[in-house]
Amino acid sequence: MTSDSTVHFRFQTPAILVGAAPTDLAGLEHCRQDWPIFAADGGLHNLLAQGLQPRAVIGDMDSIGDLGDLADNLNVIHQPGQDDTDFQKCLSAIDAPLIIGFGFLGARYDHSLAALHALASLPDGRPVILLGHDDVMVRVCGDCAFEMPIDARFSLWPLGRQSFVRSRGLAWPLDGLTFEIGKSIGTSNRVTDTYVDIQAGAGDGYVVIVPKTCWPAVLATALALAGL
């Protein structure tokens, strides 16, 4: 077991991260088998339940159970401290152009809020996808474009304050709008064209939230945003 907050894993491919919220990992089949998989603390149990072994488990290890029961060859990165969540610890430890997270949405609502906080506090602009039971969200900094089914729900949530220059393909355009937590948000918009294009202005970034059935389209967008 390693106890070192400076440990980093570096990849040129996306990395998959599994948290402790209930998940059957539905959607994992759209990911390539050579993309590395990590567990965030208790997310290890979700992986083991599916017969999968992570590259490492990262966190403060308060949800994992008896460490002595873990396989000897499992790489355990112990990062103690309560000033950040296990999700944040993983985002700091894994250097990859795209993070895809299962098991961070749903179950406890405070954990979902903590996941949004982690996305808002990221110091870099890389995209992060989180898949829940009903929704998939992607963190975006800047412009983005999606191929979407018409009439699909399309919501935007600012990670602080975010302005928009224009949009195409939405029932309620974003042209000239500024969203800010506690003031104005963009939930429950609707797709009116198979191609949705958003030109963003200055801001802290935002998440796009769509039905989980749109997960392949979100993955394609995130790969493009990551330059992959």
Protein backbone atom coordinates (compact mmCIF):
# COMPACT_ATOMS: atom_id res chain seq x y z
CA MET A 1 0.00 0.00 0.00
CA THR A 2 1.28 3.42 -0.97
CA SER A 3 0.45 6.49 1.14
CA ASP A 4 1.51 9.46 -0.98
CA SER A 5 -0.71 12.28 -2.20
CA THR A 6 1.78 13.09 -4.99
CA VAL A 7 1.36 9.74 -6.78
CA HIS A 8 0.12 10.27 -10.34
CA PHE A 9 -0.87 7.92 -13.14
CA ARG A 10 -0.35 9.40 -16.60
CA PHE A 11 -2.13 8.23 -19.73
CA GLN A 12 -2.70 9.38 -23.29
CA THR A 13 -6.05 7.56 -23.32
CA PRO A 14 -9.24 8.08 -21.33
CA ALA A 15 -9.31 6.62 -17.83
CA ILE A 16 -12.35 5.00 -16.20
CA LEU A 17 -13.14 5.70 -12.57
CA VAL A 18 -15.69 3.79 -10.48
CA GLY A 19 -17.22 5.21 -7.31
CA ALA A 20 -19.25 3.65 -4.51
CA ALA A 21 -22.78 4.69 -5.55
CA PRO A 22 -24.87 1.75 -6.83
CA THR A 23 -23.99 1.04 -10.46
CA ASP A 24 -24.10 -1.97 -12.75
CA LEU A 25 -21.53 -0.26 -15.00
CA ALA A 26 -24.09 -0.14 -17.82
CA GLY A 27 -22.44 1.70 -20.69
CA LEU A 28 -19.00 0.32 -20.03
CA GLU A 29 -19.32 -1.69 -23.24
CA HIS A 30 -18.85 1.55 -25.21
CA CYS A 31 -15.38 2.02 -23.67
CA ARG A 32 -12.27 0.40 -25.10
CA GLN A 33 -10.84 -2.50 -23.16
CA ASP A 34 -7.38 -0.93 -23.05
CA TRP A 35 -8.62 2.14 -21.14
CA PRO A 36 -7.35 1.83 -17.55
CA ILE A 37 -9.90 1.36 -14.76
CA PHE A 38 -9.53 2.77 -11.24
CA ALA A 39 -11.64 2.50 -8.10
CA ALA A 40 -12.42 5.42 -5.81
CA ASP A 41 -12.35 3.87 -2.33
CA GLY A 42 -15.56 1.84 -1.91
CA GLY A 43 -16.04 1.78 -5.67
CA LEU A 44 -13.75 -1.24 -5.54
CA HIS A 45 -16.74 -3.34 -4.46
CA ASN A 46 -18.68 -2.29 -7.56
CA LEU A 47 -15.81 -3.45 -9.75
CA LEU A 48 -15.24 -6.71 -7.93
CA ALA A 49 -18.98 -7.47 -8.19
CA GLN A 50 -18.58 -7.31 -11.98
CA GLY A 51 -15.44 -9.46 -11.92
CA LEU A 52 -13.17 -6.54 -12.77
CA GLN A 53 -9.80 -5.69 -11.20
CA PRO A 54 -8.82 -2.01 -11.14
CA ARG A 55 -5.37 -0.65 -11.95
CA ALA A 56 -5.46 0.83 -8.43
CA VAL A 57 -7.85 1.88 -5.69
CA ILE A 58 -7.45 5.50 -4.55
CA GLY A 59 -8.90 7.26 -1.50
CA ASP A 60 -8.87 7.55 2.26
CA MET A 61 -9.95 3.89 2.52
CA ASP A 62 -12.78 4.52 4.98
CA SER A 63 -15.32 2.60 2.87
CA ILE A 64 -13.28 -0.33 1.73
CA GLY A 65 -13.50 -2.64 4.72
CA ASP A 66 -10.57 -4.69 5.97
CA LEU A 67 -7.53 -3.85 3.85
CA GLY A 68 -6.07 -7.19 4.82
CA ASP A 69 -8.80 -8.92 2.81
CA LEU A 70 -7.69 -7.30 -0.45
CA ALA A 71 -5.66 -9.15 -3.04
CA ASP A 72 -1.92 -8.81 -2.47
CA ASN A 73 -1.39 -7.57 -6.03
CA LEU A 74 -3.93 -4.73 -5.75
CA ASN A 75 -2.28 -1.30 -5.92
CA VAL A 76 -3.71 0.74 -3.02
CA ILE A 77 -3.05 4.48 -3.05
CA HIS A 78 -3.96 5.67 0.43
CA GLN A 79 -4.59 9.41 0.53
CA PRO A 80 -5.80 10.37 4.01
CA GLY A 81 -7.45 13.66 4.82
CA GLN A 82 -11.01 14.98 4.91
CA ASP A 83 -10.52 18.28 3.07
CA ASP A 84 -11.35 16.66 -0.27
CA THR A 85 -13.48 13.74 -1.41
CA ASP A 86 -12.30 10.42 -2.81
CA PHE A 87 -13.45 11.64 -6.23
CA GLN A 88 -11.24 14.71 -5.92
CA LYS A 89 -8.32 12.59 -4.73
CA CYS A 90 -8.70 10.43 -7.84
CA LEU A 91 -8.95 13.40 -10.20
CA SER A 92 -5.71 14.72 -8.72
CA ALA A 93 -3.94 11.38 -8.94
CA ILE A 94 -4.93 10.46 -12.51
CA ASP A 95 -3.55 12.50 -15.39
CA ALA A 96 -5.66 11.54 -18.42
CA PRO A 97 -7.23 13.65 -21.19
CA LEU A 98 -10.70 12.33 -20.31
CA ILE A 99 -12.14 10.80 -17.14
CA ILE A 100 -15.26 8.62 -17.36
CA GLY A 101 -16.95 8.05 -14.01
CA PHE A 102 -19.46 5.40 -12.96
CA GLY A 103 -20.95 5.29 -9.47
CA PHE A 104 -20.81 8.99 -8.58
CA LEU A 105 -24.43 9.98 -9.28
CA GLY A 106 -27.54 8.66 -7.59
CA ALA A 107 -28.00 7.04 -4.18
CA ARG A 108 -27.04 9.79 -1.70
CA TYR A 109 -27.83 13.23 -3.07
CA ASP A 110 -25.08 14.86 -1.00
CA HIS A 111 -22.56 12.66 -2.79
CA SER A 112 -23.91 13.83 -6.16
CA LEU A 113 -23.54 17.44 -5.00
CA ALA A 114 -19.99 16.67 -3.90
CA ALA A 115 -19.27 15.31 -7.39
CA LEU A 116 -20.49 18.58 -8.94
CA HIS A 117 -18.29 20.48 -6.48
CA ALA A 118 -15.32 18.37 -7.60
CA LEU A 119 -15.99 19.25 -11.25
CA ALA A 120 -16.27 22.94 -10.38
CA SER A 121 -12.97 22.91 -8.49
CA LEU A 122 -10.91 21.19 -11.20
CA PRO A 123 -8.00 23.46 -12.13
CA ASP A 124 -7.72 22.17 -15.71
CA GLY A 125 -10.11 22.17 -18.65
CA ARG A 126 -10.31 18.45 -19.39
CA PRO A 127 -13.75 16.92 -19.91
CA VAL A 128 -15.18 14.56 -17.29
CA ILE A 129 -18.19 12.31 -17.90
CA LEU A 130 -20.37 11.00 -15.06
CA LEU A 131 -22.96 8.30 -15.72
CA GLY A 132 -25.91 7.72 -13.41
CA HIS A 133 -28.94 5.46 -13.62
CA ASP A 134 -31.01 7.95 -15.64
CA ASP A 135 -28.64 10.72 -16.72
CA VAL A 136 -25.21 11.29 -18.17
CA MET A 137 -23.37 14.57 -17.67
CA VAL A 138 -20.18 15.96 -19.12
CA ARG A 139 -18.09 18.80 -17.81
CA VAL A 140 -17.25 21.31 -20.55
CA CYS A 141 -14.93 24.30 -20.62
CA GLY A 142 -15.52 26.24 -23.83
CA ASP A 143 -17.43 25.31 -26.98
CA CYS A 144 -19.04 21.94 -27.64
CA ALA A 145 -21.19 20.14 -30.19
CA PHE A 146 -23.40 17.04 -29.95
CA GLU A 147 -25.28 14.79 -32.34
CA MET A 148 -28.55 14.29 -30.49
CA PRO A 149 -32.02 12.85 -31.07
CA ILE A 150 -34.70 15.47 -31.62
CA ASP A 151 -36.84 16.21 -28.54
CA ALA A 152 -34.18 14.88 -26.16
CA ARG A 153 -33.92 16.71 -22.84
CA PHE A 154 -30.84 18.93 -22.79
CA SER A 155 -29.87 20.75 -19.58
CA LEU A 156 -26.96 23.02 -18.73
CA TRP A 157 -25.74 23.78 -15.22
CA PRO A 158 -23.04 26.39 -14.58
CA LEU A 159 -20.04 25.44 -12.47
CA GLY A 160 -19.94 28.96 -11.07
CA ARG A 161 -20.62 31.71 -13.63
CA GLN A 162 -20.70 30.99 -17.37
CA SER A 163 -21.65 33.17 -20.35
CA PHE A 164 -22.73 31.94 -23.78
CA VAL A 165 -22.37 33.61 -27.18
CA ARG A 166 -24.84 31.55 -29.18
CA SER A 167 -26.36 28.11 -29.64
CA ARG A 168 -27.96 26.12 -32.40
CA GLY A 169 -30.35 23.18 -32.17
CA LEU A 170 -32.07 24.05 -28.87
CA ALA A 171 -35.68 25.10 -28.30
CA TRP A 172 -34.53 27.95 -26.06
CA PRO A 173 -31.33 29.49 -27.50
CA LEU A 174 -28.46 30.44 -25.23
CA ASP A 175 -27.52 33.51 -27.26
CA GLY A 176 -26.14 36.23 -25.02
CA LEU A 177 -27.14 34.50 -21.79
CA THR A 178 -25.10 34.20 -18.60
CA PHE A 179 -25.81 31.40 -16.14
CA GLU A 180 -24.76 31.59 -12.52
CA ILE A 181 -25.58 29.35 -9.57
CA GLY A 182 -28.32 30.97 -7.50
CA LYS A 183 -29.29 33.36 -10.29
CA SER A 184 -29.91 31.70 -13.66
CA ILE A 185 -29.57 28.14 -14.95
CA GLY A 186 -30.42 26.25 -18.13
CA THR A 187 -32.23 23.07 -17.11
CA SER A 188 -34.90 21.28 -19.16
CA ASN A 189 -34.06 22.68 -22.57
CA ARG A 190 -35.02 20.57 -25.58
CA VAL A 191 -33.22 19.45 -28.73
CA THR A 192 -34.79 20.68 -31.98
CA ASP A 193 -32.09 19.61 -34.45
CA THR A 194 -29.93 16.52 -34.69
CA TYR A 195 -26.86 18.73 -34.32
CA VAL A 196 -26.53 20.89 -31.19
CA ASP A 197 -23.75 23.47 -31.24
CA ILE A 198 -22.82 25.73 -28.33
CA GLN A 199 -20.40 28.64 -28.47
CA ALA A 200 -19.40 29.62 -24.95
CA GLY A 201 -18.01 32.89 -23.70
CA ALA A 202 -16.00 33.55 -20.57
CA GLY A 203 -16.74 31.54 -17.48
CA ASP A 204 -15.98 28.76 -15.03
CA GLY A 205 -17.29 25.93 -17.19
CA TYR A 206 -20.57 24.05 -17.14
CA VAL A 207 -22.06 20.59 -17.31
CA VAL A 208 -24.38 19.31 -20.01
CA ILE A 209 -26.92 16.82 -18.65
CA VAL A 210 -28.89 14.56 -21.00
CA PRO A 211 -30.70 11.21 -20.75
CA LYS A 212 -28.42 8.23 -20.32
CA THR A 213 -29.66 6.85 -23.65
CA CYS A 214 -27.57 9.62 -25.21
CA TRP A 215 -24.37 8.30 -23.59
CA PRO A 216 -22.69 7.25 -26.89
CA ALA A 217 -23.21 10.77 -28.27
CA VAL A 218 -21.78 12.30 -25.08
CA LEU A 219 -18.75 10.02 -25.30
CA ALA A 220 -18.14 11.04 -28.93
CA THR A 221 -18.31 14.72 -27.95
CA ALA A 222 -15.99 14.27 -24.96
CA LEU A 223 -13.42 12.39 -27.04
CA ALA A 224 -13.44 15.27 -29.52
CA LEU A 225 -13.06 17.81 -26.71
CA ALA A 226 -10.11 15.81 -25.38
CA GLY A 227 -8.49 15.73 -28.83
CA LEU A 228 -8.78 11.93 -29.08
